[in-house]
Amino acid sequence: MLNGSCLCGSVQYEADCDPGLIIHCHCQTCRKAHSAAFSSVMPINPAAFRWTSGEDKLNKFESSPGKNRYFCTNCGSQLIAERKEAGMVLLRMGCMDTEITRQADAHIWRSDSAPWFDPDHDIRQLPEGYVKA
């Protein structure tokens, strides 16, 4: 069983399945939607997915034909994307409450990635806090 929720806790879901593939998507749409270098997702079968609370707080945005991104209208957290024709729900890893300990399986859309991010570049790793210039 996988569980997830938004930042404010209003919207929650569960997925009756084991953890699947973990993918980091670098496409421009994911970068803009998440205001980040990439979006980390786990595709699952839609039959395994269900909202458990806060469905009335959800809205969706069709970011590309057939792909709806669902977000909490209170805090803005993007929880899942759904591709009905492809038969998949994409869990947004940042909103998962279930601890997933394994590493990602792939980086996709590297051809579209932000030039300031290089996953192979070694940079400082800090346990917490901010970096001063």
N, C-alpha and C. Protein backbone atom coordinates (compact mmCIF):
# COMPACT_ATOMS: atom_id res chain seq x y z
N MET A 1 0.84 -1.18 0.00
CA MET A 1 0.00 0.00 0.00
C MET A 1 0.89 1.25 0.00
N LEU A 2 0.59 2.17 -0.88
CA LEU A 2 1.29 3.45 -0.95
C LEU A 2 0.32 4.55 -0.53
N ASN A 3 0.82 5.52 0.21
CA ASN A 3 0.00 6.64 0.68
C ASN A 3 0.66 7.96 0.33
N GLY A 4 -0.17 8.97 0.11
CA GLY A 4 0.35 10.30 -0.17
C GLY A 4 -0.62 11.37 0.26
N SER A 5 -0.12 12.60 0.36
CA SER A 5 -0.96 13.73 0.75
C SER A 5 -0.32 15.02 0.27
N CYS A 6 -1.12 16.07 0.25
CA CYS A 6 -0.62 17.38 -0.14
C CYS A 6 0.07 18.06 1.04
N LEU A 7 0.65 19.21 0.80
CA LEU A 7 1.39 19.94 1.82
C LEU A 7 0.52 20.30 3.02
N CYS A 8 -0.72 20.73 2.79
CA CYS A 8 -1.57 21.14 3.91
C CYS A 8 -2.32 19.96 4.54
N GLY A 9 -2.27 18.80 3.92
CA GLY A 9 -2.92 17.62 4.45
C GLY A 9 -4.40 17.48 4.11
N SER A 10 -4.94 18.41 3.34
CA SER A 10 -6.36 18.36 2.99
C SER A 10 -6.70 17.21 2.05
N VAL A 11 -5.79 16.90 1.13
CA VAL A 11 -6.04 15.85 0.14
C VAL A 11 -5.12 14.67 0.43
N GLN A 12 -5.70 13.48 0.45
CA GLN A 12 -4.93 12.27 0.69
C GLN A 12 -5.35 11.19 -0.28
N TYR A 13 -4.43 10.27 -0.57
CA TYR A 13 -4.73 9.15 -1.46
C TYR A 13 -4.05 7.90 -0.96
N GLU A 14 -4.45 6.77 -1.55
CA GLU A 14 -3.74 5.52 -1.35
C GLU A 14 -3.76 4.75 -2.65
N ALA A 15 -2.76 3.92 -2.81
CA ALA A 15 -2.64 3.07 -3.99
C ALA A 15 -2.35 1.66 -3.50
N ASP A 16 -3.21 0.76 -3.88
CA ASP A 16 -3.08 -0.64 -3.45
C ASP A 16 -2.15 -1.37 -4.41
N CYS A 17 -0.84 -1.09 -4.27
CA CYS A 17 0.17 -1.71 -5.12
C CYS A 17 1.54 -1.55 -4.45
N ASP A 18 2.49 -2.27 -4.95
CA ASP A 18 3.86 -2.14 -4.49
C ASP A 18 4.52 -0.99 -5.22
N PRO A 19 5.61 -0.43 -4.67
CA PRO A 19 6.33 0.62 -5.40
C PRO A 19 6.78 0.10 -6.77
N GLY A 20 6.66 0.96 -7.77
CA GLY A 20 7.07 0.61 -9.12
C GLY A 20 8.27 1.41 -9.56
N LEU A 21 8.35 1.64 -10.85
CA LEU A 21 9.44 2.43 -11.42
C LEU A 21 9.45 3.83 -10.82
N ILE A 22 10.63 4.38 -10.65
CA ILE A 22 10.78 5.78 -10.24
C ILE A 22 11.50 6.48 -11.39
N ILE A 23 10.87 7.52 -11.90
CA ILE A 23 11.38 8.21 -13.08
C ILE A 23 11.52 9.70 -12.77
N HIS A 24 12.65 10.29 -13.15
CA HIS A 24 12.85 11.73 -13.06
C HIS A 24 12.62 12.31 -14.46
N CYS A 25 11.58 13.12 -14.62
CA CYS A 25 11.25 13.70 -15.92
C CYS A 25 11.75 15.14 -15.99
N HIS A 26 12.55 15.42 -17.02
CA HIS A 26 13.15 16.74 -17.20
C HIS A 26 12.47 17.58 -18.27
N CYS A 27 11.29 17.16 -18.77
CA CYS A 27 10.64 17.93 -19.83
C CYS A 27 10.27 19.32 -19.32
N GLN A 28 10.15 20.26 -20.25
CA GLN A 28 9.85 21.64 -19.87
C GLN A 28 8.52 21.76 -19.13
N THR A 29 7.53 20.95 -19.51
CA THR A 29 6.22 21.01 -18.85
C THR A 29 6.35 20.62 -17.38
N CYS A 30 7.05 19.53 -17.09
CA CYS A 30 7.25 19.12 -15.69
C CYS A 30 8.06 20.14 -14.92
N ARG A 31 9.10 20.68 -15.56
CA ARG A 31 9.92 21.69 -14.88
C ARG A 31 9.08 22.90 -14.50
N LYS A 32 8.25 23.37 -15.40
CA LYS A 32 7.41 24.54 -15.10
C LYS A 32 6.33 24.20 -14.07
N ALA A 33 5.71 23.04 -14.20
CA ALA A 33 4.63 22.66 -13.28
C ALA A 33 5.14 22.52 -11.85
N HIS A 34 6.37 22.10 -11.68
CA HIS A 34 6.91 21.85 -10.34
C HIS A 34 7.92 22.91 -9.90
N SER A 35 8.21 23.87 -10.76
CA SER A 35 9.21 24.91 -10.46
C SER A 35 10.51 24.27 -9.98
N ALA A 36 10.95 23.26 -10.71
CA ALA A 36 12.14 22.50 -10.31
C ALA A 36 12.86 21.96 -11.55
N ALA A 37 14.04 21.42 -11.34
CA ALA A 37 14.83 20.88 -12.44
C ALA A 37 14.17 19.67 -13.07
N PHE A 38 13.40 18.92 -12.31
CA PHE A 38 12.70 17.76 -12.83
C PHE A 38 11.59 17.36 -11.88
N SER A 39 10.74 16.48 -12.35
CA SER A 39 9.65 15.94 -11.54
C SER A 39 9.91 14.45 -11.37
N SER A 40 9.77 13.95 -10.16
CA SER A 40 9.95 12.52 -9.88
C SER A 40 8.59 11.87 -9.78
N VAL A 41 8.38 10.83 -10.58
CA VAL A 41 7.08 10.18 -10.66
C VAL A 41 7.20 8.67 -10.54
N MET A 42 6.08 8.05 -10.16
CA MET A 42 5.97 6.60 -10.12
C MET A 42 4.68 6.22 -10.85
N PRO A 43 4.78 5.67 -12.07
CA PRO A 43 3.57 5.26 -12.78
C PRO A 43 2.96 4.02 -12.15
N ILE A 44 1.63 4.05 -11.97
CA ILE A 44 0.91 2.90 -11.43
C ILE A 44 -0.36 2.66 -12.25
N ASN A 45 -0.98 1.51 -12.03
CA ASN A 45 -2.25 1.18 -12.66
C ASN A 45 -3.36 2.01 -12.02
N PRO A 46 -4.20 2.67 -12.81
CA PRO A 46 -5.27 3.49 -12.24
C PRO A 46 -6.23 2.71 -11.35
N ALA A 47 -6.40 1.42 -11.60
CA ALA A 47 -7.32 0.62 -10.79
C ALA A 47 -6.85 0.51 -9.34
N ALA A 48 -5.55 0.73 -9.10
CA ALA A 48 -5.00 0.62 -7.74
C ALA A 48 -5.14 1.92 -6.96
N PHE A 49 -5.49 3.03 -7.64
CA PHE A 49 -5.48 4.36 -7.03
C PHE A 49 -6.86 4.78 -6.54
N ARG A 50 -6.90 5.48 -5.38
CA ARG A 50 -8.14 6.09 -4.90
C ARG A 50 -7.82 7.27 -3.98
N TRP A 51 -8.66 8.29 -4.09
CA TRP A 51 -8.60 9.42 -3.17
C TRP A 51 -9.23 8.97 -1.87
N THR A 52 -8.63 9.31 -0.73
CA THR A 52 -9.21 8.92 0.56
C THR A 52 -9.78 10.11 1.33
N SER A 53 -9.36 11.32 1.00
CA SER A 53 -9.96 12.52 1.60
C SER A 53 -9.60 13.75 0.78
N GLY A 54 -10.46 14.74 0.87
CA GLY A 54 -10.20 16.04 0.26
C GLY A 54 -10.46 16.13 -1.23
N GLU A 55 -11.18 15.18 -1.78
CA GLU A 55 -11.42 15.21 -3.23
C GLU A 55 -12.11 16.51 -3.65
N ASP A 56 -12.88 17.12 -2.74
CA ASP A 56 -13.54 18.39 -3.02
C ASP A 56 -12.55 19.55 -3.10
N LYS A 57 -11.32 19.35 -2.64
CA LYS A 57 -10.28 20.38 -2.69
C LYS A 57 -9.41 20.27 -3.95
N LEU A 58 -9.71 19.30 -4.82
CA LEU A 58 -8.91 19.07 -6.01
C LEU A 58 -9.36 19.91 -7.19
N ASN A 59 -8.39 20.27 -8.00
CA ASN A 59 -8.66 20.81 -9.32
C ASN A 59 -7.68 20.13 -10.25
N LYS A 60 -7.90 20.27 -11.56
CA LYS A 60 -7.01 19.65 -12.52
C LYS A 60 -6.71 20.61 -13.64
N PHE A 61 -5.59 20.35 -14.31
CA PHE A 61 -5.15 21.15 -15.43
C PHE A 61 -4.65 20.20 -16.51
N GLU A 62 -5.18 20.33 -17.72
CA GLU A 62 -4.71 19.49 -18.82
C GLU A 62 -3.48 20.15 -19.42
N SER A 63 -2.30 19.66 -19.03
CA SER A 63 -1.04 20.29 -19.43
C SER A 63 -0.61 19.91 -20.84
N SER A 64 -1.06 18.79 -21.32
CA SER A 64 -0.85 18.36 -22.70
C SER A 64 -2.04 17.47 -23.05
N PRO A 65 -2.32 17.26 -24.32
CA PRO A 65 -3.52 16.50 -24.68
C PRO A 65 -3.58 15.14 -23.97
N GLY A 66 -4.66 14.95 -23.20
CA GLY A 66 -4.87 13.68 -22.51
C GLY A 66 -4.15 13.52 -21.19
N LYS A 67 -3.39 14.53 -20.75
CA LYS A 67 -2.68 14.44 -19.47
C LYS A 67 -3.22 15.50 -18.52
N ASN A 68 -3.87 15.04 -17.46
CA ASN A 68 -4.40 15.94 -16.43
C ASN A 68 -3.53 15.88 -15.19
N ARG A 69 -3.18 17.06 -14.69
CA ARG A 69 -2.41 17.18 -13.45
C ARG A 69 -3.38 17.62 -12.36
N TYR A 70 -3.45 16.86 -11.27
CA TYR A 70 -4.38 17.13 -10.17
C TYR A 70 -3.61 17.80 -9.02
N PHE A 71 -4.18 18.88 -8.50
CA PHE A 71 -3.52 19.64 -7.44
C PHE A 71 -4.52 20.08 -6.39
N CYS A 72 -4.01 20.32 -5.18
CA CYS A 72 -4.82 20.82 -4.07
C CYS A 72 -5.06 22.32 -4.29
N THR A 73 -6.33 22.73 -4.23
CA THR A 73 -6.64 24.14 -4.43
C THR A 73 -6.30 24.98 -3.21
N ASN A 74 -6.03 24.34 -2.09
CA ASN A 74 -5.67 25.07 -0.88
C ASN A 74 -4.17 25.39 -0.85
N CYS A 75 -3.31 24.38 -1.03
CA CYS A 75 -1.86 24.60 -0.90
C CYS A 75 -1.10 24.55 -2.23
N GLY A 76 -1.74 24.06 -3.28
CA GLY A 76 -1.11 24.03 -4.60
C GLY A 76 -0.30 22.78 -4.90
N SER A 77 -0.17 21.87 -3.95
CA SER A 77 0.61 20.65 -4.20
C SER A 77 0.04 19.87 -5.38
N GLN A 78 0.92 19.49 -6.29
CA GLN A 78 0.53 18.65 -7.41
C GLN A 78 0.72 17.19 -6.97
N LEU A 79 -0.36 16.44 -6.85
CA LEU A 79 -0.31 15.10 -6.27
C LEU A 79 -0.13 13.98 -7.28
N ILE A 80 -0.85 14.07 -8.38
CA ILE A 80 -0.77 13.04 -9.41
C ILE A 80 -0.97 13.66 -10.78
N ALA A 81 -0.64 12.89 -11.79
CA ALA A 81 -1.06 13.17 -13.16
C ALA A 81 -1.76 11.91 -13.64
N GLU A 82 -2.69 12.09 -14.55
CA GLU A 82 -3.44 10.95 -15.06
C GLU A 82 -3.42 10.99 -16.59
N ARG A 83 -3.08 9.86 -17.17
CA ARG A 83 -3.15 9.68 -18.63
C ARG A 83 -4.11 8.53 -18.87
N LYS A 84 -5.39 8.86 -19.07
CA LYS A 84 -6.41 7.82 -19.22
C LYS A 84 -6.15 6.92 -20.42
N GLU A 85 -5.79 7.50 -21.57
CA GLU A 85 -5.56 6.70 -22.77
C GLU A 85 -4.40 5.74 -22.60
N ALA A 86 -3.39 6.14 -21.85
CA ALA A 86 -2.22 5.28 -21.61
C ALA A 86 -2.47 4.31 -20.46
N GLY A 87 -3.56 4.51 -19.73
CA GLY A 87 -3.88 3.63 -18.62
C GLY A 87 -2.90 3.74 -17.47
N MET A 88 -2.59 5.00 -17.09
CA MET A 88 -1.65 5.18 -15.97
C MET A 88 -1.97 6.40 -15.14
N VAL A 89 -1.64 6.27 -13.87
CA VAL A 89 -1.62 7.38 -12.93
C VAL A 89 -0.17 7.56 -12.54
N LEU A 90 0.29 8.80 -12.55
CA LEU A 90 1.67 9.11 -12.15
C LEU A 90 1.64 9.72 -10.76
N LEU A 91 2.10 8.98 -9.77
CA LEU A 91 2.21 9.51 -8.41
C LEU A 91 3.39 10.47 -8.38
N ARG A 92 3.19 11.64 -7.82
CA ARG A 92 4.29 12.60 -7.66
C ARG A 92 5.03 12.23 -6.38
N MET A 93 6.28 11.84 -6.54
CA MET A 93 7.07 11.29 -5.43
C MET A 93 7.19 12.26 -4.27
N GLY A 94 7.23 13.56 -4.53
CA GLY A 94 7.36 14.54 -3.47
C GLY A 94 6.18 14.59 -2.52
N CYS A 95 5.04 14.06 -2.94
CA CYS A 95 3.83 14.05 -2.09
C CYS A 95 3.55 12.67 -1.50
N MET A 96 4.44 11.73 -1.71
CA MET A 96 4.23 10.40 -1.14
C MET A 96 4.61 10.40 0.33
N ASP A 97 3.75 9.81 1.16
CA ASP A 97 4.03 9.66 2.58
C ASP A 97 4.70 8.32 2.89
N THR A 98 4.50 7.34 2.05
CA THR A 98 5.15 6.04 2.21
C THR A 98 6.64 6.22 1.92
N GLU A 99 7.47 5.74 2.82
CA GLU A 99 8.92 5.86 2.61
C GLU A 99 9.36 4.89 1.51
N ILE A 100 9.98 5.46 0.49
CA ILE A 100 10.53 4.67 -0.62
C ILE A 100 12.04 4.81 -0.51
N THR A 101 12.74 3.69 -0.38
CA THR A 101 14.18 3.75 -0.13
C THR A 101 15.04 3.44 -1.35
N ARG A 102 14.47 2.90 -2.38
CA ARG A 102 15.31 2.55 -3.53
C ARG A 102 15.54 3.76 -4.43
N GLN A 103 16.54 3.67 -5.26
CA GLN A 103 16.92 4.75 -6.15
C GLN A 103 16.05 4.77 -7.41
N ALA A 104 16.08 5.88 -8.10
CA ALA A 104 15.33 6.04 -9.34
C ALA A 104 15.85 5.10 -10.42
N ASP A 105 14.96 4.78 -11.36
CA ASP A 105 15.29 3.87 -12.46
C ASP A 105 15.78 4.60 -13.71
N ALA A 106 15.32 5.85 -13.91
CA ALA A 106 15.70 6.55 -15.14
C ALA A 106 15.47 8.05 -15.04
N HIS A 107 16.26 8.79 -15.83
CA HIS A 107 16.02 10.20 -16.12
C HIS A 107 15.46 10.22 -17.54
N ILE A 108 14.32 10.89 -17.76
CA ILE A 108 13.78 10.99 -19.12
C ILE A 108 13.70 12.45 -19.54
N TRP A 109 13.57 12.66 -20.84
CA TRP A 109 13.54 13.98 -21.45
C TRP A 109 14.77 14.82 -21.10
N ARG A 110 15.93 14.17 -21.06
CA ARG A 110 17.18 14.89 -20.80
C ARG A 110 17.46 15.88 -21.92
N SER A 111 16.91 15.62 -23.12
CA SER A 111 17.09 16.55 -24.24
C SER A 111 16.42 17.90 -23.96
N ASP A 112 15.53 17.95 -22.99
CA ASP A 112 14.77 19.15 -22.65
C ASP A 112 15.17 19.71 -21.29
N SER A 113 16.23 19.19 -20.71
CA SER A 113 16.56 19.53 -19.33
C SER A 113 17.11 20.94 -19.15
N ALA A 114 17.03 21.42 -17.93
CA ALA A 114 17.55 22.73 -17.57
C ALA A 114 19.07 22.72 -17.68
N PRO A 115 19.66 23.69 -18.36
CA PRO A 115 21.12 23.69 -18.54
C PRO A 115 21.89 23.87 -17.23
N TRP A 116 21.24 24.37 -16.19
CA TRP A 116 21.92 24.60 -14.91
C TRP A 116 21.90 23.38 -14.00
N PHE A 117 21.25 22.27 -14.45
CA PHE A 117 21.22 21.06 -13.64
C PHE A 117 21.92 19.92 -14.37
N ASP A 118 22.87 19.29 -13.68
CA ASP A 118 23.57 18.13 -14.22
C ASP A 118 23.57 17.05 -13.15
N PRO A 119 22.81 15.95 -13.36
CA PRO A 119 22.73 14.91 -12.33
C PRO A 119 24.05 14.20 -12.06
N ASP A 120 25.03 14.36 -12.95
CA ASP A 120 26.32 13.70 -12.74
C ASP A 120 27.36 14.60 -12.08
N HIS A 121 27.00 15.86 -11.84
CA HIS A 121 27.92 16.82 -11.25
C HIS A 121 27.93 16.69 -9.73
N ASP A 122 29.12 16.56 -9.17
CA ASP A 122 29.24 16.49 -7.71
C ASP A 122 29.24 17.90 -7.13
N ILE A 123 28.29 18.16 -6.25
CA ILE A 123 28.22 19.43 -5.55
C ILE A 123 28.05 19.15 -4.06
N ARG A 124 28.17 20.18 -3.26
CA ARG A 124 28.03 20.01 -1.81
C ARG A 124 26.71 19.34 -1.47
N GLN A 125 26.76 18.47 -0.48
CA GLN A 125 25.56 17.80 0.03
C GLN A 125 25.42 18.20 1.49
N LEU A 126 24.38 18.95 1.82
CA LEU A 126 24.17 19.43 3.18
C LEU A 126 22.96 18.74 3.80
N PRO A 127 23.05 18.35 5.07
CA PRO A 127 21.93 17.66 5.70
C PRO A 127 20.70 18.54 5.88
N GLU A 128 20.89 19.83 6.01
CA GLU A 128 19.77 20.77 6.15
C GLU A 128 20.30 22.17 6.03
N GLY A 129 19.40 23.15 5.96
CA GLY A 129 19.79 24.55 5.97
C GLY A 129 19.97 25.17 4.61
N TYR A 130 20.55 26.36 4.62
CA TYR A 130 20.74 27.16 3.43
C TYR A 130 22.23 27.29 3.13
N VAL A 131 22.53 27.62 1.89
CA VAL A 131 23.90 27.85 1.45
C VAL A 131 24.10 29.35 1.30
N LYS A 132 25.17 29.87 1.88
CA LYS A 132 25.50 31.29 1.72
C LYS A 132 26.42 31.44 0.53
N ALA A 133 26.27 32.54 -0.17
CA ALA A 133 27.09 32.81 -1.35
C ALA A 133 28.54 33.00 -0.99
